[in-house]
Protein backbone atom coordinates (compact mmCIF):
# COMPACT_ATOMS: atom_id res chain seq x y z
CA UNK A 1 37.27 -69.12 24.32
CA UNK A 2 35.65 -66.02 25.75
CA UNK A 3 31.92 -65.44 25.62
CA UNK A 4 29.85 -62.27 25.54
CA UNK A 5 27.50 -61.64 28.47
CA UNK A 6 24.81 -58.98 28.14
CA UNK A 7 23.08 -57.84 31.33
CA UNK A 8 19.97 -55.65 31.51
CA UNK A 9 19.46 -53.53 34.63
CA UNK A 10 16.25 -51.55 35.03
CA UNK A 11 15.77 -51.20 38.78
CA UNK A 12 17.04 -48.50 41.14
CA UNK A 13 20.39 -49.14 42.80
CA UNK A 14 19.28 -49.69 46.39
CA UNK A 15 15.67 -50.92 46.28
CA UNK A 16 16.36 -54.53 45.33
CA UNK A 17 19.23 -57.01 45.11
CA UNK A 18 19.32 -56.69 41.31
CA UNK A 19 22.18 -54.18 41.31
CA UNK A 20 24.39 -56.32 43.52
CA UNK A 21 23.55 -59.40 41.44
CA UNK A 22 24.51 -57.59 38.22
CA UNK A 23 27.77 -56.43 39.84
CA UNK A 24 28.66 -59.95 40.95
CA UNK A 25 27.84 -61.56 37.60
CA UNK A 26 29.79 -58.91 35.69
CA UNK A 27 32.76 -59.13 38.06
CA UNK A 28 32.91 -62.91 37.85
CA UNK A 29 32.64 -62.98 34.06
CA UNK A 30 35.28 -60.26 33.62
CA UNK A 31 37.65 -62.10 35.97
CA UNK A 32 37.31 -65.17 33.75
CA UNK A 33 38.18 -63.18 30.63
CA UNK A 34 34.71 -62.81 29.13
CA UNK A 35 33.27 -59.70 27.48
CA UNK A 36 30.49 -58.12 29.54
CA UNK A 37 28.00 -55.53 28.31
CA UNK A 38 25.46 -53.92 30.63
CA UNK A 39 22.41 -52.08 29.39
CA UNK A 40 20.88 -49.74 32.00
CA UNK A 41 17.39 -48.49 31.37
CA UNK A 42 14.70 -46.79 33.44
CA UNK A 43 15.75 -46.57 37.09
CA UNK A 44 18.86 -48.60 36.31
CA UNK A 45 20.60 -45.46 35.04
CA UNK A 46 20.67 -44.17 38.64
CA UNK A 47 23.34 -46.77 39.41
CA UNK A 48 25.80 -44.57 37.51
CA UNK A 49 25.10 -41.17 39.10
CA UNK A 50 28.14 -39.54 40.66
CA UNK A 51 28.21 -38.61 44.34
CA UNK A 52 26.18 -41.47 45.78
CA UNK A 53 26.43 -41.78 49.55
CA UNK A 54 25.44 -45.37 50.25
CA UNK A 55 26.06 -46.42 53.87
CA UNK A 56 26.23 -50.00 55.02
CA UNK A 57 25.66 -51.41 51.52
CA UNK A 58 27.62 -51.72 48.31
CA UNK A 59 28.01 -48.36 46.57
CA UNK A 60 26.78 -48.93 43.01
CA UNK A 61 28.72 -45.99 41.55
CA UNK A 62 32.04 -47.22 42.98
CA UNK A 63 31.56 -50.88 42.05
CA UNK A 64 30.46 -50.14 38.48
CA UNK A 65 33.34 -47.65 38.16
CA UNK A 66 35.80 -50.40 39.09
CA UNK A 67 34.17 -52.80 36.65
CA UNK A 68 34.27 -50.23 33.85
CA UNK A 69 38.02 -49.88 34.43
CA UNK A 70 38.27 -53.68 34.14
CA UNK A 71 36.48 -53.75 30.78
CA UNK A 72 32.74 -53.56 31.46
CA UNK A 73 30.90 -51.86 28.56
CA UNK A 74 27.91 -49.81 29.74
CA UNK A 75 25.07 -48.53 27.59
CA UNK A 76 22.59 -46.05 29.12
């Protein structure tokens, strides 16, 4: 039986670990067949800007793009 996970992200993509934590939770839940919804508010919307050039860390745009293709529902 699948469950619905709702995540709330309100911090900028590279200032804290929150973005990576949200990515990992969403990825794990999606891989187990659950429904995942992410609400981005405030600085959290910057995780979805195109053309990010993150070096040496996880690129938020790319990771969330992959998760969206795997079923992540995003609300900005």
